[in-house]
Amino acid sequence: MCFELLGGRMLAPFFGSSVYVWGSIITVFMLALSMGYLIGGKLSLYKPSIMRFACIFIAAAFSLTPTIFFSESIFKFVFELIEDPRYGSLLASTFVFLVPSIIMGMIAPYSVRILTVSAHSSGQTAGFLYFVSTLGSAIGTIMTSFYLVLWLEVNQILWLTFGILLTAGLIALLVAFLDENKGQLDNHVVVQH
C-alpha cells in the first residue's frame, strides 16, 4: 500500500491526480498482485524453502531500484509521448510499478506454503496470513499518508521500503542458514552415537 500511495504522488507532476490517474495506478497494482499471487503459488509447489522465500524478498527489494533511479525519466518520456492522462498514466504506471508489484505479490502465497503444516490447518494459516497482510497494509497506508510523506521525500520512502524488504530477506536467509546447520549438526550427533 505504501508503494501504491507513493505511485499517485510520483505521477501527479506529470499526469495530475485525477480519478483517471488513480484508476490507472489501482488497475496496474491489482493486475500485478494477481500475477504475483499466481506465480508465487506455482513457485511454492516446487521444493519450497526458506532460502527461496528469502530470495523473493531480496528480489522485491532490488526491483525497486529502477523505480528510485529512473521513474522520473520514464514518466517524462511517457508524458511527452502520450499527454492524455488516462492512457499516459496507465502506460507509465505499467512501466514503473508492474514488476516490483508482481514480485511483492509472490510473497503472500509462498508464505502460506512455508507456514502450512498440514492440509487440515491450511485455512487457518491462510486466514492468519491475510489478517497480518491486511493489517500491515492498513498500518502502511496510515503511516505513509499521514506521516512519511510529511517527513521524507518519495525516494527516501522508497529506500526505506527497499531496506525493510532487504532486511526481511536477510533475516530469512539467516534462518535458512541456521536451520541447515542445525540439521547437519543433528546428523553429526546421530552418526557419532
N, C-alpha and C. Protein backbone atom coordinates (compact mmCIF):
# COMPACT_ATOMS: atom_id res chain seq x y z
N MET A 1 0.82 -1.20 0.00
CA MET A 1 0.00 0.00 0.00
C MET A 1 0.86 1.25 0.00
N CYS A 2 1.95 1.19 0.72
CA CYS A 2 2.89 2.33 0.75
C CYS A 2 3.35 2.64 -0.67
N PHE A 3 3.74 1.62 -1.41
CA PHE A 3 4.24 1.78 -2.77
C PHE A 3 3.14 2.34 -3.68
N GLU A 4 1.92 1.84 -3.50
CA GLU A 4 0.79 2.30 -4.31
C GLU A 4 0.47 3.77 -4.05
N LEU A 5 0.46 4.16 -2.78
CA LEU A 5 0.20 5.56 -2.44
C LEU A 5 1.28 6.48 -3.01
N LEU A 6 2.52 6.02 -2.94
CA LEU A 6 3.61 6.82 -3.50
C LEU A 6 3.47 6.95 -5.01
N GLY A 7 2.90 5.92 -5.63
CA GLY A 7 2.68 5.97 -7.08
C GLY A 7 1.86 7.18 -7.49
N GLY A 8 0.82 7.46 -6.72
CA GLY A 8 -0.01 8.63 -7.02
C GLY A 8 0.76 9.92 -6.89
N ARG A 9 1.58 9.98 -5.88
CA ARG A 9 2.38 11.18 -5.66
C ARG A 9 3.44 11.36 -6.74
N MET A 10 3.99 10.24 -7.22
CA MET A 10 5.03 10.30 -8.24
C MET A 10 4.47 10.69 -9.61
N LEU A 11 3.27 10.22 -9.91
CA LEU A 11 2.66 10.50 -11.21
C LEU A 11 2.05 11.90 -11.29
N ALA A 12 1.67 12.46 -10.14
CA ALA A 12 0.93 13.73 -10.11
C ALA A 12 1.60 14.87 -10.88
N PRO A 13 2.92 15.09 -10.76
CA PRO A 13 3.52 16.22 -11.50
C PRO A 13 3.38 16.10 -13.02
N PHE A 14 3.19 14.89 -13.52
CA PHE A 14 3.13 14.68 -14.97
C PHE A 14 1.68 14.52 -15.46
N PHE A 15 0.89 13.76 -14.72
CA PHE A 15 -0.44 13.42 -15.20
C PHE A 15 -1.57 13.92 -14.29
N GLY A 16 -1.21 14.61 -13.21
CA GLY A 16 -2.23 15.08 -12.27
C GLY A 16 -2.62 13.99 -11.30
N SER A 17 -3.67 14.24 -10.54
CA SER A 17 -4.10 13.24 -9.56
C SER A 17 -5.62 13.00 -9.69
N SER A 18 -6.07 12.98 -10.94
CA SER A 18 -7.50 12.77 -11.21
C SER A 18 -7.88 11.31 -10.96
N VAL A 19 -9.17 11.06 -11.10
CA VAL A 19 -9.66 9.69 -10.94
C VAL A 19 -9.06 8.77 -12.01
N TYR A 20 -8.72 9.32 -13.18
CA TYR A 20 -8.09 8.51 -14.23
C TYR A 20 -6.73 7.99 -13.76
N VAL A 21 -5.97 8.88 -13.16
CA VAL A 21 -4.63 8.51 -12.70
C VAL A 21 -4.73 7.46 -11.61
N TRP A 22 -5.61 7.68 -10.65
CA TRP A 22 -5.77 6.70 -9.57
C TRP A 22 -6.33 5.39 -10.11
N GLY A 23 -7.23 5.48 -11.09
CA GLY A 23 -7.74 4.27 -11.72
C GLY A 23 -6.63 3.48 -12.39
N SER A 24 -5.71 4.19 -13.04
CA SER A 24 -4.56 3.53 -13.69
C SER A 24 -3.67 2.85 -12.65
N ILE A 25 -3.36 3.58 -11.58
CA ILE A 25 -2.49 3.03 -10.54
C ILE A 25 -3.11 1.79 -9.92
N ILE A 26 -4.37 1.90 -9.53
CA ILE A 26 -5.03 0.76 -8.87
C ILE A 26 -5.12 -0.43 -9.81
N THR A 27 -5.42 -0.18 -11.09
CA THR A 27 -5.50 -1.27 -12.07
C THR A 27 -4.17 -1.99 -12.21
N VAL A 28 -3.09 -1.23 -12.36
CA VAL A 28 -1.77 -1.84 -12.51
C VAL A 28 -1.39 -2.64 -11.27
N PHE A 29 -1.64 -2.08 -10.09
CA PHE A 29 -1.30 -2.80 -8.87
C PHE A 29 -2.14 -4.06 -8.70
N MET A 30 -3.44 -3.98 -9.00
CA MET A 30 -4.30 -5.17 -8.88
C MET A 30 -3.87 -6.26 -9.85
N LEU A 31 -3.59 -5.87 -11.10
CA LEU A 31 -3.12 -6.86 -12.09
C LEU A 31 -1.79 -7.46 -11.67
N ALA A 32 -0.88 -6.60 -11.20
CA ALA A 32 0.44 -7.08 -10.78
C ALA A 32 0.32 -8.04 -9.60
N LEU A 33 -0.48 -7.68 -8.62
CA LEU A 33 -0.63 -8.55 -7.45
C LEU A 33 -1.27 -9.88 -7.85
N SER A 34 -2.27 -9.84 -8.73
CA SER A 34 -2.90 -11.10 -9.14
C SER A 34 -1.89 -12.00 -9.85
N MET A 35 -1.04 -11.41 -10.70
CA MET A 35 0.02 -12.20 -11.35
C MET A 35 1.02 -12.72 -10.33
N GLY A 36 1.37 -11.87 -9.36
CA GLY A 36 2.31 -12.29 -8.31
C GLY A 36 1.76 -13.43 -7.47
N TYR A 37 0.46 -13.36 -7.14
CA TYR A 37 -0.16 -14.44 -6.36
C TYR A 37 -0.09 -15.75 -7.14
N LEU A 38 -0.38 -15.68 -8.43
CA LEU A 38 -0.37 -16.87 -9.27
C LEU A 38 1.04 -17.46 -9.37
N ILE A 39 2.01 -16.60 -9.66
CA ILE A 39 3.41 -17.06 -9.79
C ILE A 39 3.94 -17.59 -8.46
N GLY A 40 3.67 -16.85 -7.38
CA GLY A 40 4.13 -17.29 -6.05
C GLY A 40 3.52 -18.62 -5.65
N GLY A 41 2.23 -18.81 -5.98
CA GLY A 41 1.57 -20.09 -5.69
C GLY A 41 2.20 -21.23 -6.48
N LYS A 42 2.48 -20.98 -7.77
CA LYS A 42 3.13 -22.01 -8.60
C LYS A 42 4.53 -22.33 -8.08
N LEU A 43 5.28 -21.28 -7.75
CA LEU A 43 6.64 -21.48 -7.24
C LEU A 43 6.65 -22.30 -5.95
N SER A 44 5.63 -22.11 -5.13
CA SER A 44 5.60 -22.78 -3.83
C SER A 44 5.38 -24.29 -3.95
N LEU A 45 5.02 -24.76 -5.15
CA LEU A 45 4.80 -26.19 -5.35
C LEU A 45 6.11 -26.96 -5.54
N TYR A 46 7.17 -26.25 -5.94
CA TYR A 46 8.43 -26.91 -6.29
C TYR A 46 9.48 -26.70 -5.21
N LYS A 47 9.63 -27.69 -4.36
CA LYS A 47 10.63 -27.67 -3.29
C LYS A 47 10.64 -26.34 -2.53
N PRO A 48 9.54 -26.00 -1.86
CA PRO A 48 9.50 -24.73 -1.12
C PRO A 48 10.56 -24.72 -0.01
N SER A 49 11.20 -23.59 0.17
CA SER A 49 12.23 -23.48 1.20
C SER A 49 12.32 -22.04 1.69
N ILE A 50 12.86 -21.91 2.88
CA ILE A 50 13.07 -20.58 3.45
C ILE A 50 14.07 -19.81 2.58
N MET A 51 15.03 -20.52 2.01
CA MET A 51 16.05 -19.89 1.15
C MET A 51 15.39 -19.22 -0.06
N ARG A 52 14.48 -19.93 -0.72
CA ARG A 52 13.78 -19.34 -1.87
C ARG A 52 12.86 -18.20 -1.43
N PHE A 53 12.25 -18.37 -0.28
CA PHE A 53 11.39 -17.33 0.29
C PHE A 53 12.21 -16.05 0.50
N ALA A 54 13.40 -16.21 1.05
CA ALA A 54 14.31 -15.07 1.27
C ALA A 54 14.65 -14.40 -0.06
N CYS A 55 14.87 -15.21 -1.09
CA CYS A 55 15.23 -14.66 -2.40
C CYS A 55 14.10 -13.81 -2.99
N ILE A 56 12.85 -14.17 -2.70
CA ILE A 56 11.72 -13.36 -3.19
C ILE A 56 11.76 -11.98 -2.56
N PHE A 57 12.01 -11.92 -1.25
CA PHE A 57 12.11 -10.63 -0.56
C PHE A 57 13.25 -9.79 -1.12
N ILE A 58 14.39 -10.43 -1.32
CA ILE A 58 15.57 -9.71 -1.83
C ILE A 58 15.32 -9.22 -3.26
N ALA A 59 14.69 -10.07 -4.08
CA ALA A 59 14.34 -9.65 -5.45
C ALA A 59 13.36 -8.48 -5.42
N ALA A 60 12.40 -8.53 -4.50
CA ALA A 60 11.42 -7.43 -4.38
C ALA A 60 12.13 -6.12 -4.03
N ALA A 61 13.10 -6.21 -3.11
CA ALA A 61 13.85 -5.02 -2.72
C ALA A 61 14.59 -4.44 -3.92
N PHE A 62 15.33 -5.28 -4.63
CA PHE A 62 16.13 -4.78 -5.74
C PHE A 62 15.29 -4.35 -6.95
N SER A 63 14.07 -4.89 -7.04
CA SER A 63 13.19 -4.47 -8.14
C SER A 63 12.71 -3.02 -7.97
N LEU A 64 12.89 -2.47 -6.77
CA LEU A 64 12.52 -1.07 -6.52
C LEU A 64 13.58 -0.09 -7.04
N THR A 65 14.80 -0.55 -7.25
CA THR A 65 15.87 0.38 -7.63
C THR A 65 15.63 1.09 -8.97
N PRO A 66 15.09 0.42 -10.01
CA PRO A 66 14.77 1.20 -11.22
C PRO A 66 13.72 2.28 -10.95
N THR A 67 12.78 1.98 -10.06
CA THR A 67 11.77 2.99 -9.71
C THR A 67 12.44 4.20 -9.07
N ILE A 68 13.37 3.94 -8.19
CA ILE A 68 14.06 5.01 -7.47
C ILE A 68 14.89 5.86 -8.44
N PHE A 69 15.62 5.20 -9.32
CA PHE A 69 16.55 5.93 -10.18
C PHE A 69 15.96 6.44 -11.49
N PHE A 70 14.98 5.74 -12.05
CA PHE A 70 14.55 6.06 -13.41
C PHE A 70 13.09 6.47 -13.56
N SER A 71 12.29 6.43 -12.50
CA SER A 71 10.86 6.69 -12.66
C SER A 71 10.57 8.06 -13.25
N GLU A 72 11.28 9.07 -12.79
CA GLU A 72 11.02 10.43 -13.29
C GLU A 72 11.29 10.52 -14.79
N SER A 73 12.38 9.93 -15.25
CA SER A 73 12.71 9.93 -16.68
C SER A 73 11.66 9.17 -17.48
N ILE A 74 11.21 8.05 -16.94
CA ILE A 74 10.18 7.25 -17.63
C ILE A 74 8.87 8.04 -17.71
N PHE A 75 8.48 8.66 -16.60
CA PHE A 75 7.23 9.44 -16.61
C PHE A 75 7.31 10.58 -17.61
N LYS A 76 8.46 11.24 -17.66
CA LYS A 76 8.64 12.36 -18.59
C LYS A 76 8.55 11.87 -20.03
N PHE A 77 9.20 10.75 -20.32
CA PHE A 77 9.18 10.17 -21.66
C PHE A 77 7.75 9.83 -22.08
N VAL A 78 7.01 9.14 -21.19
CA VAL A 78 5.64 8.74 -21.50
C VAL A 78 4.75 9.97 -21.66
N PHE A 79 4.94 10.98 -20.80
CA PHE A 79 4.13 12.19 -20.88
C PHE A 79 4.32 12.91 -22.21
N GLU A 80 5.56 12.94 -22.69
CA GLU A 80 5.83 13.57 -23.98
C GLU A 80 5.26 12.76 -25.14
N LEU A 81 5.13 11.47 -24.92
CA LEU A 81 4.59 10.57 -25.95
C LEU A 81 3.06 10.58 -25.94
N ILE A 82 2.47 10.54 -24.75
CA ILE A 82 1.01 10.45 -24.59
C ILE A 82 0.57 11.45 -23.52
N GLU A 83 0.00 12.56 -23.91
CA GLU A 83 -0.40 13.58 -22.94
C GLU A 83 -1.73 13.26 -22.26
N ASP A 84 -2.55 12.43 -22.88
CA ASP A 84 -3.83 12.06 -22.29
C ASP A 84 -3.58 11.39 -20.93
N PRO A 85 -4.11 11.97 -19.84
CA PRO A 85 -3.80 11.43 -18.51
C PRO A 85 -4.32 10.01 -18.30
N ARG A 86 -5.32 9.60 -19.05
CA ARG A 86 -5.83 8.24 -18.89
C ARG A 86 -4.81 7.21 -19.36
N TYR A 87 -4.44 7.33 -20.62
CA TYR A 87 -3.55 6.33 -21.21
C TYR A 87 -2.08 6.56 -20.84
N GLY A 88 -1.71 7.82 -20.68
CA GLY A 88 -0.34 8.12 -20.27
C GLY A 88 -0.04 7.58 -18.88
N SER A 89 -0.96 7.81 -17.94
CA SER A 89 -0.73 7.33 -16.57
C SER A 89 -0.79 5.81 -16.51
N LEU A 90 -1.63 5.20 -17.34
CA LEU A 90 -1.72 3.73 -17.37
C LEU A 90 -0.41 3.13 -17.87
N LEU A 91 0.12 3.69 -18.96
CA LEU A 91 1.37 3.18 -19.52
C LEU A 91 2.54 3.45 -18.56
N ALA A 92 2.60 4.66 -18.02
CA ALA A 92 3.69 5.00 -17.09
C ALA A 92 3.64 4.11 -15.85
N SER A 93 2.45 3.89 -15.32
CA SER A 93 2.30 3.02 -14.14
C SER A 93 2.76 1.60 -14.45
N THR A 94 2.42 1.12 -15.64
CA THR A 94 2.82 -0.23 -16.04
C THR A 94 4.34 -0.35 -16.10
N PHE A 95 5.00 0.63 -16.73
CA PHE A 95 6.46 0.59 -16.84
C PHE A 95 7.15 0.60 -15.47
N VAL A 96 6.64 1.40 -14.56
CA VAL A 96 7.36 1.64 -13.30
C VAL A 96 6.93 0.71 -12.16
N PHE A 97 5.64 0.39 -12.09
CA PHE A 97 5.14 -0.31 -10.90
C PHE A 97 4.84 -1.79 -11.09
N LEU A 98 4.72 -2.25 -12.34
CA LEU A 98 4.27 -3.62 -12.58
C LEU A 98 5.22 -4.67 -12.00
N VAL A 99 6.48 -4.65 -12.40
CA VAL A 99 7.41 -5.71 -11.99
C VAL A 99 7.62 -5.77 -10.47
N PRO A 100 7.90 -4.63 -9.81
CA PRO A 100 8.06 -4.74 -8.34
C PRO A 100 6.80 -5.26 -7.65
N SER A 101 5.63 -4.87 -8.15
CA SER A 101 4.38 -5.31 -7.52
C SER A 101 4.13 -6.79 -7.76
N ILE A 102 4.51 -7.31 -8.93
CA ILE A 102 4.39 -8.76 -9.18
C ILE A 102 5.25 -9.52 -8.18
N ILE A 103 6.49 -9.09 -8.00
CA ILE A 103 7.39 -9.80 -7.09
C ILE A 103 6.89 -9.70 -5.65
N MET A 104 6.40 -8.52 -5.24
CA MET A 104 5.85 -8.39 -3.89
C MET A 104 4.61 -9.28 -3.71
N GLY A 105 3.82 -9.44 -4.77
CA GLY A 105 2.64 -10.29 -4.71
C GLY A 105 2.99 -11.76 -4.52
N MET A 106 4.18 -12.17 -4.91
CA MET A 106 4.60 -13.56 -4.76
C MET A 106 4.81 -13.95 -3.30
N ILE A 107 5.01 -12.97 -2.44
CA ILE A 107 5.32 -13.24 -1.04
C ILE A 107 4.17 -13.93 -0.31
N ALA A 108 2.93 -13.46 -0.50
CA ALA A 108 1.79 -13.98 0.26
C ALA A 108 1.54 -15.48 0.03
N PRO A 109 1.39 -15.95 -1.21
CA PRO A 109 1.14 -17.39 -1.37
C PRO A 109 2.32 -18.26 -0.95
N TYR A 110 3.53 -17.76 -1.14
CA TYR A 110 4.70 -18.53 -0.71
C TYR A 110 4.73 -18.61 0.82
N SER A 111 4.31 -17.54 1.48
CA SER A 111 4.23 -17.55 2.95
C SER A 111 3.25 -18.61 3.44
N VAL A 112 2.11 -18.70 2.77
CA VAL A 112 1.11 -19.70 3.15
C VAL A 112 1.73 -21.09 3.05
N ARG A 113 2.44 -21.36 1.96
CA ARG A 113 3.05 -22.68 1.75
C ARG A 113 4.12 -22.98 2.80
N ILE A 114 4.93 -22.00 3.11
CA ILE A 114 6.01 -22.21 4.09
C ILE A 114 5.44 -22.48 5.49
N LEU A 115 4.36 -21.78 5.83
CA LEU A 115 3.81 -21.88 7.19
C LEU A 115 2.77 -22.98 7.36
N THR A 116 2.28 -23.55 6.27
CA THR A 116 1.25 -24.60 6.38
C THR A 116 1.90 -25.92 6.77
N VAL A 117 1.45 -26.44 7.90
CA VAL A 117 2.00 -27.69 8.42
C VAL A 117 1.22 -28.88 7.87
N SER A 118 -0.11 -28.73 7.74
CA SER A 118 -0.94 -29.81 7.22
C SER A 118 -2.11 -29.22 6.44
N ALA A 119 -2.74 -30.06 5.62
CA ALA A 119 -3.91 -29.61 4.86
C ALA A 119 -5.03 -29.20 5.81
N HIS A 120 -5.09 -29.86 6.94
CA HIS A 120 -6.13 -29.57 7.94
C HIS A 120 -6.03 -28.12 8.45
N SER A 121 -4.82 -27.62 8.62
CA SER A 121 -4.63 -26.27 9.18
C SER A 121 -4.41 -25.20 8.13
N SER A 122 -4.49 -25.57 6.83
CA SER A 122 -4.16 -24.60 5.78
C SER A 122 -5.09 -23.40 5.76
N GLY A 123 -6.38 -23.61 6.01
CA GLY A 123 -7.33 -22.49 6.05
C GLY A 123 -7.01 -21.51 7.15
N GLN A 124 -6.68 -22.04 8.31
CA GLN A 124 -6.34 -21.18 9.46
C GLN A 124 -5.04 -20.42 9.18
N THR A 125 -4.06 -21.09 8.59
CA THR A 125 -2.79 -20.43 8.25
C THR A 125 -3.02 -19.31 7.25
N ALA A 126 -3.78 -19.61 6.19
CA ALA A 126 -4.06 -18.59 5.17
C ALA A 126 -4.83 -17.42 5.77
N GLY A 127 -5.83 -17.72 6.61
CA GLY A 127 -6.61 -16.66 7.26
C GLY A 127 -5.75 -15.77 8.12
N PHE A 128 -4.83 -16.38 8.89
CA PHE A 128 -3.94 -15.60 9.75
C PHE A 128 -3.01 -14.72 8.92
N LEU A 129 -2.46 -15.29 7.83
CA LEU A 129 -1.56 -14.51 6.98
C LEU A 129 -2.28 -13.35 6.30
N TYR A 130 -3.51 -13.57 5.85
CA TYR A 130 -4.26 -12.48 5.24
C TYR A 130 -4.62 -11.42 6.27
N PHE A 131 -4.87 -11.85 7.51
CA PHE A 131 -5.11 -10.89 8.60
C PHE A 131 -3.87 -10.02 8.80
N VAL A 132 -2.71 -10.66 8.91
CA VAL A 132 -1.46 -9.92 9.12
C VAL A 132 -1.17 -9.02 7.92
N SER A 133 -1.38 -9.54 6.71
CA SER A 133 -1.12 -8.77 5.50
C SER A 133 -2.03 -7.55 5.40
N THR A 134 -3.32 -7.73 5.68
CA THR A 134 -4.25 -6.62 5.58
C THR A 134 -4.02 -5.60 6.67
N LEU A 135 -3.71 -6.07 7.87
CA LEU A 135 -3.38 -5.16 8.98
C LEU A 135 -2.12 -4.37 8.63
N GLY A 136 -1.12 -5.05 8.07
CA GLY A 136 0.10 -4.37 7.64
C GLY A 136 -0.17 -3.33 6.56
N SER A 137 -1.08 -3.66 5.64
CA SER A 137 -1.46 -2.70 4.60
C SER A 137 -2.12 -1.46 5.19
N ALA A 138 -2.99 -1.69 6.17
CA ALA A 138 -3.68 -0.56 6.83
C ALA A 138 -2.67 0.32 7.56
N ILE A 139 -1.75 -0.30 8.27
CA ILE A 139 -0.73 0.46 9.00
C ILE A 139 0.18 1.19 8.02
N GLY A 140 0.57 0.51 6.94
CA GLY A 140 1.41 1.14 5.91
C GLY A 140 0.71 2.32 5.25
N THR A 141 -0.59 2.19 5.03
CA THR A 141 -1.36 3.28 4.42
C THR A 141 -1.39 4.50 5.33
N ILE A 142 -1.72 4.28 6.59
CA ILE A 142 -1.78 5.39 7.55
C ILE A 142 -0.40 6.02 7.74
N MET A 143 0.62 5.17 7.93
CA MET A 143 1.97 5.70 8.15
C MET A 143 2.45 6.51 6.95
N THR A 144 2.21 6.00 5.75
CA THR A 144 2.66 6.70 4.54
C THR A 144 1.90 8.00 4.34
N SER A 145 0.56 7.92 4.37
CA SER A 145 -0.25 9.09 4.04
C SER A 145 -0.29 10.15 5.14
N PHE A 146 -0.17 9.74 6.39
CA PHE A 146 -0.26 10.70 7.49
C PHE A 146 1.10 11.23 7.94
N TYR A 147 2.15 10.40 7.82
CA TYR A 147 3.43 10.78 8.42
C TYR A 147 4.61 10.80 7.44
N LEU A 148 4.85 9.65 6.79
CA LEU A 148 6.08 9.54 5.99
C LEU A 148 6.18 10.59 4.89
N VAL A 149 5.05 10.89 4.22
CA VAL A 149 5.10 11.90 3.15
C VAL A 149 5.37 13.30 3.69
N LEU A 150 5.12 13.49 4.98
CA LEU A 150 5.42 14.79 5.60
C LEU A 150 6.88 14.88 6.05
N TRP A 151 7.43 13.74 6.44
CA TRP A 151 8.79 13.72 6.99
C TRP A 151 9.87 13.46 5.95
N LEU A 152 9.53 12.69 4.90
CA LEU A 152 10.55 12.23 3.95
C LEU A 152 10.12 12.52 2.51
N GLU A 153 11.10 12.55 1.62
CA GLU A 153 10.81 12.66 0.20
C GLU A 153 10.44 11.27 -0.33
N VAL A 154 9.82 11.24 -1.50
CA VAL A 154 9.35 9.98 -2.07
C VAL A 154 10.49 8.96 -2.20
N ASN A 155 11.63 9.38 -2.75
CA ASN A 155 12.75 8.44 -2.90
C ASN A 155 13.26 7.92 -1.56
N GLN A 156 13.21 8.75 -0.53
CA GLN A 156 13.63 8.29 0.79
C GLN A 156 12.68 7.22 1.32
N ILE A 157 11.40 7.39 1.05
CA ILE A 157 10.42 6.37 1.48
C ILE A 157 10.63 5.08 0.68
N LEU A 158 10.95 5.22 -0.60
CA LEU A 158 11.24 4.03 -1.40
C LEU A 158 12.49 3.32 -0.90
N TRP A 159 13.51 4.09 -0.52
CA TRP A 159 14.71 3.47 0.05
C TRP A 159 14.40 2.79 1.38
N LEU A 160 13.50 3.37 2.16
CA LEU A 160 13.07 2.75 3.43
C LEU A 160 12.37 1.42 3.13
N THR A 161 11.50 1.42 2.13
CA THR A 161 10.81 0.19 1.72
C THR A 161 11.82 -0.84 1.24
N PHE A 162 12.78 -0.40 0.44
CA PHE A 162 13.88 -1.26 -0.01
C PHE A 162 14.58 -1.90 1.19
N GLY A 163 14.90 -1.07 2.19
CA GLY A 163 15.61 -1.55 3.38
C GLY A 163 14.79 -2.57 4.16
N ILE A 164 13.50 -2.35 4.29
CA ILE A 164 12.63 -3.28 5.02
C ILE A 164 12.57 -4.62 4.30
N LEU A 165 12.36 -4.58 2.98
CA LEU A 165 12.30 -5.83 2.20
C LEU A 165 13.63 -6.57 2.24
N LEU A 166 14.73 -5.84 2.09
CA LEU A 166 16.05 -6.47 2.11
C LEU A 166 16.33 -7.08 3.48
N THR A 167 15.99 -6.36 4.54
CA THR A 167 16.21 -6.87 5.90
C THR A 167 15.40 -8.14 6.13
N ALA A 168 14.14 -8.14 5.69
CA ALA A 168 13.31 -9.35 5.83
C ALA A 168 13.94 -10.52 5.08
N GLY A 169 14.45 -10.25 3.88
CA GLY A 169 15.10 -11.30 3.10
C GLY A 169 16.35 -11.82 3.77
N LEU A 170 17.16 -10.91 4.33
CA LEU A 170 18.40 -11.33 5.01
C LEU A 170 18.10 -12.11 6.28
N ILE A 171 17.05 -11.72 7.00
CA ILE A 171 16.65 -12.48 8.20
C ILE A 171 16.21 -13.89 7.79
N ALA A 172 15.43 -13.99 6.71
CA ALA A 172 15.01 -15.31 6.23
C ALA A 172 16.22 -16.14 5.79
N LEU A 173 17.21 -15.51 5.15
CA LEU A 173 18.44 -16.23 4.78
C LEU A 173 19.16 -16.74 6.01
N LEU A 174 19.23 -15.91 7.05
CA LEU A 174 19.87 -16.32 8.29
C LEU A 174 19.15 -17.51 8.91
N VAL A 175 17.82 -17.45 8.93
CA VAL A 175 17.02 -18.56 9.47
C VAL A 175 17.29 -19.84 8.67
N ALA A 176 17.32 -19.72 7.34
CA ALA A 176 17.59 -20.88 6.48
C ALA A 176 18.98 -21.44 6.76
N PHE A 177 19.95 -20.57 6.91
CA PHE A 177 21.33 -20.99 7.19
C PHE A 177 21.42 -21.70 8.53
N LEU A 178 20.80 -21.13 9.56
CA LEU A 178 20.83 -21.74 10.90
C LEU A 178 20.09 -23.07 10.90
N ASP A 179 18.97 -23.15 10.19
CA ASP A 179 18.20 -24.38 10.12
C ASP A 179 18.99 -25.48 9.42
N GLU A 180 19.69 -25.10 8.34
CA GLU A 180 20.50 -26.06 7.60
C GLU A 180 21.66 -26.57 8.45
N ASN A 181 22.33 -25.67 9.16
CA ASN A 181 23.45 -26.08 10.02
C ASN A 181 22.98 -26.89 11.21
N LYS A 182 21.78 -26.60 11.73
CA LYS A 182 21.22 -27.38 12.83
C LYS A 182 20.97 -28.81 12.37
N GLY A 183 20.44 -28.95 11.15
CA GLY A 183 20.20 -30.28 10.58
C GLY A 183 21.49 -31.06 10.41
N GLN A 184 22.55 -30.39 9.95
CA GLN A 184 23.84 -31.05 9.79
C GLN A 184 24.42 -31.44 11.14
N LEU A 185 24.24 -30.58 12.14
CA LEU A 185 24.73 -30.86 13.49
C LEU A 185 23.97 -32.05 14.08
N ASP A 186 22.64 -32.10 13.88
CA ASP A 186 21.85 -33.22 14.38
C ASP A 186 22.29 -34.52 13.74
N ASN A 187 22.54 -34.50 12.41
CA ASN A 187 23.02 -35.71 11.71
C ASN A 187 24.36 -36.14 12.23
N HIS A 188 25.24 -35.19 12.51
CA HIS A 188 26.58 -35.48 13.03
C HIS A 188 26.48 -36.16 14.41
N VAL A 189 25.59 -35.68 15.27
CA VAL A 189 25.41 -36.26 16.61
C VAL A 189 24.85 -37.66 16.50
N VAL A 190 23.88 -37.89 15.58
CA VAL A 190 23.27 -39.22 15.41
C VAL A 190 24.32 -40.21 14.92
N VAL A 191 25.17 -39.79 13.97
CA VAL A 191 26.21 -40.67 13.42
C VAL A 191 27.21 -41.08 14.52
N GLN A 192 27.54 -40.15 15.41
CA GLN A 192 28.51 -40.44 16.45
C GLN A 192 27.96 -41.41 17.48
N HIS A 193 26.64 -41.37 17.71
CA HIS A 193 26.05 -42.31 18.68
C HIS A 193 25.89 -43.65 18.03
